[in-house]
Amino acid sequence: MIMFKRILCPIDFSPTSLHAIEHAAAVARWYQASITALHVHNPFVMSVPEWPVPAQDVTEATLARVQAETAACLKAASVGDLDVRVLVDVGQPATRILERARTLPADLIVIGTHGASGFEHLVLGSVTEKVLRKATCAVLTVPPHAARTSALPFKRVLCAVDFSVCSLRAFDLARSLAQESHAALTAVSVIEWPWLEPPAPDFAELPAEQAAALSGYRRHRETSALQQLTKLAGDPAPGGVTVEPRISHGKAHVEILRTAADIGADLIVIGVHGRNILDLNVFGSTTHQVVRQATCPVLTLRSVT
């Protein structure tokens, strides 16, 4: 079973990052995990991302004030029953978040997808994107509170499954979360075709042999995927999670989001095929789009290297 024991939750004092604390606390309670709340103080917001921020330019009084503000955010989120640590770093936010995730080491990063508005919106958006692309642990992205369709604890979990190793790990995690929160779990497998659906090709306009072959191949893909999903779900143990298998056709991110809206998902779980340069194409085409457009939290779990 996949377990989270050390959770890193970056806080920038925006409403979205404060909302993320609630989700970090919920996961921490399920897995009896510790939370490290991290605020990265960057006095030079307009600086070039690659340039270091000199820590000596930040006074002790400033660091003490920021630490107190960070602790106050946690107190407001009612995490008194949890093992919580507050850290304040100085530097570029994405860089310091990733460094802290490695040194803890964190099993999970919980982070908001956007800042409050204006420039803050762009800053936190870019920070989250860099963390998603480079983190070596699982990442839970939380959309702004105003845009959410989810509730805590999660009651409807959607897991995207393409039967790769990382998506099977993601399914195990989704089932574990659903078990802990007594949630309904839907597993969706999206079959992508070389055309956009809808509409599907008009078989009547194809030569009879080609139409028959294409129709047969479509049925084969559907049947095979459904059999694999059904086998993956298995028979629920007494008190266990019942998994609803679904097959969908079209672009993966479009269908994942559509299914999430259809079932009113509180959480989407997706496996990511690593995060190296080659795999970023996969990340960008599916996971990135889901994270950007989802109105509920999205949990990404990378493959084991």
Protein backbone atom coordinates (compact mmCIF):
# COMPACT_ATOMS: atom_id res chain seq x y z
CA MET A 1 0.00 0.00 0.00
CA ILE A 2 1.24 3.49 -0.84
CA MET A 3 1.65 5.58 2.29
CA PHE A 4 2.26 9.27 2.91
CA LYS A 5 4.25 9.97 6.07
CA ARG A 6 5.85 13.36 5.35
CA ILE A 7 3.77 16.05 3.64
CA LEU A 8 5.22 19.35 2.42
CA CYS A 9 2.71 22.20 2.08
CA PRO A 10 4.02 25.48 0.58
CA ILE A 11 2.17 28.59 1.79
CA ASP A 12 2.27 32.01 0.11
CA PHE A 13 -0.63 33.48 2.18
CA SER A 14 -2.97 33.53 -0.84
CA PRO A 15 -6.49 32.12 -0.29
CA THR A 16 -5.61 29.22 -2.57
CA SER A 17 -2.58 28.16 -0.56
CA LEU A 18 -4.60 28.45 2.66
CA HIS A 19 -7.25 26.23 1.08
CA ALA A 20 -4.50 23.72 0.24
CA ILE A 21 -3.69 23.40 3.95
CA GLU A 22 -7.15 21.91 4.54
CA HIS A 23 -6.41 19.16 2.02
CA ALA A 24 -2.93 18.55 3.43
CA ALA A 25 -4.48 18.16 6.89
CA ALA A 26 -7.11 15.71 5.62
CA VAL A 27 -4.49 13.49 3.97
CA ALA A 28 -2.24 13.75 7.05
CA ARG A 29 -5.07 12.51 9.27
CA TRP A 30 -5.82 9.56 6.98
CA TYR A 31 -2.18 8.43 6.89
CA GLN A 32 -1.10 9.72 10.33
CA ALA A 33 1.49 11.84 8.55
CA SER A 34 3.46 14.91 9.57
CA ILE A 35 3.10 18.26 7.79
CA THR A 36 5.92 20.66 7.03
CA ALA A 37 4.49 24.08 6.19
CA LEU A 38 6.95 26.06 4.11
CA HIS A 39 6.87 29.74 3.25
CA VAL A 40 9.54 30.93 0.82
CA HIS A 41 10.24 34.60 1.36
CA ASN A 42 11.36 36.32 -1.81
CA PRO A 43 11.94 40.05 -1.26
CA PHE A 44 12.77 40.49 -4.93
CA VAL A 45 9.59 39.24 -6.60
CA MET A 46 10.55 40.70 -9.96
CA SER A 47 13.95 39.02 -10.03
CA VAL A 48 15.01 36.56 -12.72
CA PRO A 49 13.94 33.03 -11.61
CA GLU A 50 17.45 31.57 -11.96
CA TRP A 51 19.13 34.26 -9.88
CA PRO A 52 19.70 33.44 -6.20
CA VAL A 53 18.21 35.64 -3.54
CA PRO A 54 20.83 36.78 -0.99
CA ALA A 55 19.66 35.65 2.45
CA GLN A 56 21.74 38.36 4.15
CA ASP A 57 19.40 40.97 2.66
CA VAL A 58 16.57 39.66 4.85
CA THR A 59 16.53 40.75 8.49
CA GLU A 60 15.92 38.46 11.46
CA ALA A 61 12.87 40.54 12.33
CA THR A 62 11.40 39.93 8.88
CA LEU A 63 11.97 36.17 9.14
CA ALA A 64 10.40 36.08 12.60
CA ARG A 65 7.36 37.98 11.35
CA VAL A 66 6.92 35.70 8.35
CA GLN A 67 7.28 32.58 10.52
CA ALA A 68 4.61 33.90 12.88
CA GLU A 69 2.28 34.59 9.94
CA THR A 70 2.86 31.08 8.60
CA ALA A 71 2.13 29.54 12.01
CA ALA A 72 -1.03 31.62 12.24
CA CYS A 73 -2.24 30.22 8.91
CA LEU A 74 -1.84 26.71 10.25
CA LYS A 75 -3.65 27.55 13.47
CA ALA A 76 -6.57 28.93 11.47
CA ALA A 77 -6.72 25.65 9.53
CA SER A 78 -7.28 23.65 12.75
CA VAL A 79 -4.29 21.34 12.50
CA GLY A 80 -3.67 21.26 16.25
CA ASP A 81 -4.07 17.49 16.40
CA LEU A 82 -1.33 16.91 13.80
CA ASP A 83 2.46 16.80 13.85
CA VAL A 84 3.25 20.14 12.20
CA ARG A 85 6.55 21.92 11.55
CA VAL A 86 6.86 25.49 10.25
CA LEU A 87 9.78 26.52 8.03
CA VAL A 88 10.69 29.80 6.37
CA ASP A 89 13.23 29.83 3.55
CA VAL A 90 14.61 32.69 1.50
CA GLY A 91 14.98 32.36 -2.26
CA GLN A 92 13.12 31.50 -5.42
CA PRO A 93 9.93 29.65 -4.38
CA ALA A 94 9.99 26.72 -6.83
CA THR A 95 13.68 26.04 -6.23
CA ARG A 96 13.38 26.08 -2.46
CA ILE A 97 10.20 23.97 -2.46
CA LEU A 98 11.88 21.29 -4.57
CA GLU A 99 15.00 21.37 -2.38
CA ARG A 100 12.94 20.95 0.78
CA ALA A 101 10.95 18.12 -0.79
CA ARG A 102 14.21 16.29 -1.49
CA THR A 103 15.83 16.87 1.89
CA LEU A 104 12.85 16.02 4.13
CA PRO A 105 12.27 13.79 2.10
CA ALA A 106 8.61 14.45 1.32
CA ASP A 107 6.23 11.72 0.22
CA LEU A 108 3.69 14.30 -0.94
CA ILE A 109 3.62 18.00 -1.85
CA VAL A 110 0.26 19.77 -1.44
CA ILE A 111 0.16 23.06 -3.33
CA GLY A 112 -2.39 25.53 -4.68
CA THR A 113 -2.66 25.97 -8.43
CA HIS A 114 -3.03 29.77 -8.51
CA GLY A 115 -2.35 32.82 -6.41
CA ALA A 116 -4.98 35.35 -5.50
CA SER A 117 -5.06 37.66 -8.51
CA GLY A 118 -2.99 39.72 -10.91
CA PHE A 119 0.74 39.19 -10.62
CA GLU A 120 0.33 36.82 -7.65
CA HIS A 121 -1.82 34.64 -9.90
CA LEU A 122 1.00 34.35 -12.42
CA VAL A 123 3.72 33.81 -9.81
CA LEU A 124 2.05 30.94 -7.97
CA GLY A 125 0.86 29.46 -11.26
CA SER A 126 4.42 29.29 -12.56
CA VAL A 127 5.72 27.96 -9.22
CA THR A 128 3.17 25.16 -9.18
CA GLU A 129 3.97 24.24 -12.76
CA LYS A 130 7.70 23.97 -12.00
CA VAL A 131 7.03 21.89 -8.90
CA LEU A 132 4.76 19.54 -10.86
CA ARG A 133 7.32 19.08 -13.60
CA LYS A 134 10.34 18.51 -11.37
CA ALA A 135 9.11 16.95 -8.12
CA THR A 136 10.20 13.36 -7.55
CA CYS A 137 7.36 12.66 -5.12
CA ALA A 138 3.59 12.72 -5.50
CA VAL A 139 1.96 16.16 -5.85
CA LEU A 140 -1.57 17.18 -4.88
CA THR A 141 -2.63 20.38 -6.65
CA VAL A 142 -5.58 22.26 -5.15
CA PRO A 143 -7.58 24.79 -7.21
CA PRO A 144 -8.86 28.07 -5.78
CA HIS A 145 -11.59 27.72 -3.17
CA ALA A 146 -14.03 29.67 -5.32
CA ALA A 147 -13.64 27.23 -8.20
CA ARG A 148 -13.85 24.01 -6.26
CA THR A 149 -16.45 21.31 -6.73
CA SER A 150 -15.00 19.05 -4.04
CA ALA A 151 -15.56 18.61 -0.34
CA LEU A 152 -13.57 17.06 2.48
CA PRO A 153 -13.38 14.24 3.14
CA PHE A 154 -13.40 13.11 -0.49
CA LYS A 155 -16.57 11.25 -1.41
CA ARG A 156 -16.14 10.69 -5.17
CA VAL A 157 -12.68 9.78 -6.46
CA LEU A 158 -11.79 9.42 -10.14
CA CYS A 159 -8.67 7.55 -11.24
CA ALA A 160 -7.42 7.65 -14.84
CA VAL A 161 -6.00 4.27 -15.86
CA ASP A 162 -4.02 3.46 -19.01
CA PHE A 163 -2.64 0.21 -17.51
CA SER A 164 0.93 1.51 -17.38
CA VAL A 165 2.94 0.80 -14.22
CA CYS A 166 2.50 4.34 -12.92
CA SER A 167 -1.26 4.37 -13.53
CA LEU A 168 -1.59 1.06 -11.67
CA ARG A 169 0.28 2.61 -8.73
CA ALA A 170 -2.07 5.57 -8.98
CA PHE A 171 -5.04 3.21 -8.87
CA ASP A 172 -3.71 1.56 -5.70
CA LEU A 173 -3.38 5.00 -4.12
CA ALA A 174 -6.84 6.07 -5.27
CA ARG A 175 -8.35 2.92 -3.79
CA SER A 176 -6.50 3.52 -0.52
CA LEU A 177 -7.76 7.11 -0.31
CA ALA A 178 -11.29 6.00 -1.18
CA GLN A 179 -11.12 3.32 1.50
CA GLU A 180 -9.93 5.78 4.15
CA SER A 181 -12.59 8.39 3.32
CA HIS A 182 -15.40 5.90 2.51
CA ALA A 183 -15.59 7.34 -1.01
CA ALA A 184 -16.95 5.97 -4.26
CA LEU A 185 -14.19 5.18 -6.75
CA THR A 186 -14.52 5.40 -10.54
CA ALA A 187 -11.74 4.12 -12.78
CA VAL A 188 -11.79 5.49 -16.32
CA SER A 189 -9.76 4.28 -19.28
CA VAL A 190 -9.76 6.56 -22.31
CA ILE A 191 -9.33 5.08 -25.77
CA GLU A 192 -7.77 7.63 -28.08
CA TRP A 193 -8.36 7.32 -31.84
CA PRO A 194 -6.61 9.11 -34.72
CA TRP A 195 -9.71 11.25 -35.11
CA LEU A 196 -11.50 13.52 -32.71
CA GLU A 197 -14.61 12.08 -31.10
CA PRO A 198 -17.33 13.03 -31.39
CA PRO A 199 -17.97 12.61 -34.24
CA ALA A 200 -16.77 9.13 -35.05
CA PRO A 201 -16.09 8.24 -38.68
CA ASP A 202 -19.14 7.35 -40.75
CA PHE A 203 -18.65 3.64 -41.35
CA ALA A 204 -21.25 3.76 -44.14
CA GLU A 205 -18.86 5.90 -46.19
CA LEU A 206 -16.01 3.40 -45.86
CA PRO A 207 -15.45 0.29 -47.97
CA ALA A 208 -17.30 -2.62 -46.39
CA GLU A 209 -14.17 -4.57 -45.43
CA GLN A 210 -12.50 -1.54 -43.87
CA ALA A 211 -15.65 -0.58 -41.99
CA ALA A 212 -16.02 -4.11 -40.61
CA ALA A 213 -12.35 -4.26 -39.58
CA LEU A 214 -12.46 -0.84 -37.91
CA SER A 215 -15.70 -1.62 -36.12
CA GLY A 216 -14.30 -4.95 -34.92
CA TYR A 217 -11.10 -3.32 -33.72
CA ARG A 218 -13.11 -0.70 -31.81
CA ARG A 219 -15.14 -3.42 -30.07
CA HIS A 220 -11.92 -5.30 -29.29
CA ARG A 221 -10.34 -2.23 -27.65
CA GLU A 222 -13.47 -1.53 -25.63
CA THR A 223 -13.87 -5.14 -24.49
CA SER A 224 -10.19 -5.51 -23.63
CA ALA A 225 -10.08 -2.27 -21.64
CA LEU A 226 -13.27 -3.09 -19.76
CA GLN A 227 -11.98 -6.58 -18.90
CA GLN A 228 -8.73 -5.13 -17.59
CA LEU A 229 -10.56 -2.52 -15.52
CA THR A 230 -12.95 -5.11 -14.10
CA LYS A 231 -10.05 -7.40 -13.19
CA LEU A 232 -8.20 -4.49 -11.62
CA ALA A 233 -11.23 -3.54 -9.53
CA GLY A 234 -11.75 -7.10 -8.31
CA ASP A 235 -14.45 -8.12 -5.88
CA PRO A 236 -14.66 -5.72 -2.94
CA ALA A 237 -13.90 -7.16 0.47
CA PRO A 238 -16.53 -6.69 3.17
CA GLY A 239 -16.59 -2.98 3.91
CA GLY A 240 -14.22 -2.34 1.04
CA VAL A 241 -14.37 0.00 -1.94
CA THR A 242 -16.61 -0.76 -4.89
CA VAL A 243 -14.97 0.37 -8.13
CA GLU A 244 -17.05 1.57 -11.07
CA PRO A 245 -15.21 0.90 -14.35
CA ARG A 246 -15.79 3.29 -17.27
CA ILE A 247 -14.58 3.32 -20.87
CA SER A 248 -14.47 6.59 -22.77
CA HIS A 249 -13.40 7.62 -26.28
CA GLY A 250 -11.56 10.80 -27.29
CA LYS A 251 -8.72 13.01 -26.10
CA ALA A 252 -7.52 11.79 -22.73
CA HIS A 253 -7.60 15.07 -20.79
CA VAL A 254 -10.97 16.07 -22.26
CA GLU A 255 -12.56 12.77 -21.30
CA ILE A 256 -11.00 12.69 -17.83
CA LEU A 257 -12.37 16.16 -17.09
CA ARG A 258 -15.75 15.30 -18.60
CA THR A 259 -16.00 12.16 -16.48
CA ALA A 260 -14.95 14.08 -13.37
CA ALA A 261 -17.74 16.58 -14.00
CA ASP A 262 -20.22 13.79 -14.73
CA ILE A 263 -19.65 12.01 -11.42
CA GLY A 264 -18.99 15.19 -9.41
CA ALA A 265 -15.47 14.07 -8.51
CA ASP A 266 -13.85 15.47 -5.36
CA LEU A 267 -10.43 14.20 -6.43
CA ILE A 268 -8.71 13.10 -9.65
CA VAL A 269 -5.76 10.71 -9.40
CA ILE A 270 -3.34 10.32 -12.33
CA GLY A 271 -0.08 8.45 -12.76
CA VAL A 272 2.72 10.36 -14.51
CA HIS A 273 5.31 8.62 -16.67
CA GLY A 274 8.34 10.14 -14.96
CA ARG A 275 9.35 13.76 -15.28
CA ASN A 276 12.39 13.76 -17.56
CA ILE A 277 12.62 15.77 -20.77
CA LEU A 278 11.11 13.03 -22.94
CA ASP A 279 8.21 12.43 -20.57
CA LEU A 280 7.27 16.11 -20.35
CA ASN A 281 5.46 15.71 -23.67
CA VAL A 282 3.15 13.16 -22.03
CA PHE A 283 2.81 15.32 -18.93
CA GLY A 284 2.04 18.39 -21.00
CA SER A 285 -0.54 16.73 -23.19
CA THR A 286 -2.67 15.10 -20.50
CA THR A 287 -1.79 15.70 -16.86
CA HIS A 288 -0.88 19.35 -17.35
CA GLN A 289 -4.22 20.05 -19.03
CA VAL A 290 -6.16 18.21 -16.32
CA VAL A 291 -4.40 20.14 -13.55
CA ARG A 292 -4.97 23.48 -15.28
CA GLN A 293 -8.66 22.92 -15.94
CA ALA A 294 -9.87 20.75 -13.05
CA THR A 295 -12.20 22.26 -10.48
CA CYS A 296 -11.23 19.65 -7.91
CA PRO A 297 -7.81 18.66 -6.53
CA VAL A 298 -5.59 16.52 -8.76
CA LEU A 299 -3.15 14.00 -7.31
CA THR A 300 -0.26 13.05 -9.61
CA LEU A 301 1.92 10.07 -8.82
CA ARG A 302 5.11 9.56 -10.77
CA SER A 303 6.52 6.24 -11.91
CA VAL A 304 9.25 4.57 -9.89
CA THR A 305 12.69 5.03 -11.46
